[in-house]
Amino acid sequence: MTRTVALRASALFIVLTVVFGAIGLGSHAVAAEAFVLISASVCALMLAFAVASPAPAAVPVRVRRHRP
């Protein structure tokens, strides 16, 4: 998993956590609270993947020039 993919997935799970949190506050259902906890834990996992994965770096290439 690349850093970009992990950050995009984390943003998606942040949105899901906010939506499920709003539903949970409105309904006081146990299932909605469970969805918030699951979404928050997956979001934290994706953020951990984003921090742990290396950033893309340029590979040094040796260039030889032919001089007459």
Protein backbone atom coordinates (compact mmCIF):
# COMPACT_ATOMS: atom_id res chain seq x y z
CA MET A 1 0.00 0.00 0.00
CA THR A 2 1.44 3.36 -0.96
CA ARG A 3 1.27 6.47 1.16
CA THR A 4 -1.20 8.15 -1.20
CA VAL A 5 -3.59 5.21 -1.10
CA ALA A 6 -3.41 5.05 2.69
CA LEU A 7 -4.13 8.77 3.05
CA ARG A 8 -7.07 8.56 0.65
CA ALA A 9 -8.50 5.57 2.53
CA SER A 10 -7.98 7.39 5.82
CA ALA A 11 -9.90 10.41 4.51
CA LEU A 12 -12.72 8.11 3.44
CA PHE A 13 -12.88 6.50 6.87
CA ILE A 14 -12.83 9.92 8.56
CA VAL A 15 -15.93 10.82 6.56
CA LEU A 16 -17.57 7.51 7.51
CA THR A 17 -16.72 8.07 11.17
CA VAL A 18 -18.32 11.52 11.11
CA VAL A 19 -21.45 10.19 9.39
CA PHE A 20 -21.82 7.25 11.78
CA GLY A 21 -21.11 9.57 14.72
CA ALA A 22 -23.92 11.88 13.63
CA ILE A 23 -26.27 8.93 13.26
CA GLY A 24 -25.19 7.61 16.66
CA LEU A 25 -25.83 10.94 18.37
CA GLY A 26 -29.26 11.18 16.77
CA SER A 27 -30.47 7.67 17.47
CA HIS A 28 -28.57 6.48 20.57
CA ALA A 29 -28.46 3.00 19.06
CA VAL A 30 -25.80 0.52 20.12
CA ALA A 31 -25.16 -0.50 16.52
CA ALA A 32 -24.37 3.09 15.50
CA GLU A 33 -21.85 3.35 18.33
CA ALA A 34 -20.22 0.13 17.14
CA PHE A 35 -19.96 1.54 13.60
CA VAL A 36 -18.23 4.65 14.97
CA LEU A 37 -15.71 2.55 16.86
CA ILE A 38 -15.03 0.33 13.86
CA SER A 39 -14.63 3.29 11.50
CA ALA A 40 -12.35 5.10 13.92
CA SER A 41 -10.14 2.06 14.41
CA VAL A 42 -9.82 1.45 10.66
CA CYS A 43 -9.05 5.15 10.17
CA ALA A 44 -6.28 4.93 12.76
CA LEU A 45 -4.93 1.82 11.04
CA MET A 46 -4.84 3.59 7.65
CA LEU A 47 -3.05 6.57 9.21
CA ALA A 48 -0.50 4.17 10.70
CA PHE A 49 0.04 2.64 7.24
CA ALA A 50 0.48 6.13 5.79
CA VAL A 51 3.12 7.01 8.37
CA ALA A 52 4.91 3.66 8.08
CA SER A 53 5.09 3.50 4.29
CA PRO A 54 8.09 5.18 2.68
CA ALA A 55 7.63 8.32 0.67
CA PRO A 56 8.41 8.01 -3.02
CA ALA A 57 11.94 9.17 -3.72
CA ALA A 58 13.83 9.84 -6.90
CA VAL A 59 16.33 7.19 -7.90
CA PRO A 60 19.75 8.63 -8.72
CA VAL A 61 20.84 7.79 -12.24
CA ARG A 62 24.38 8.23 -13.49
CA VAL A 63 24.48 10.04 -16.82
CA ARG A 64 27.48 9.57 -19.07
CA ARG A 65 28.14 12.16 -21.70
CA HIS A 66 30.28 11.37 -24.66
CA ARG A 67 32.74 14.15 -25.30
CA PRO A 68 34.68 14.13 -28.56
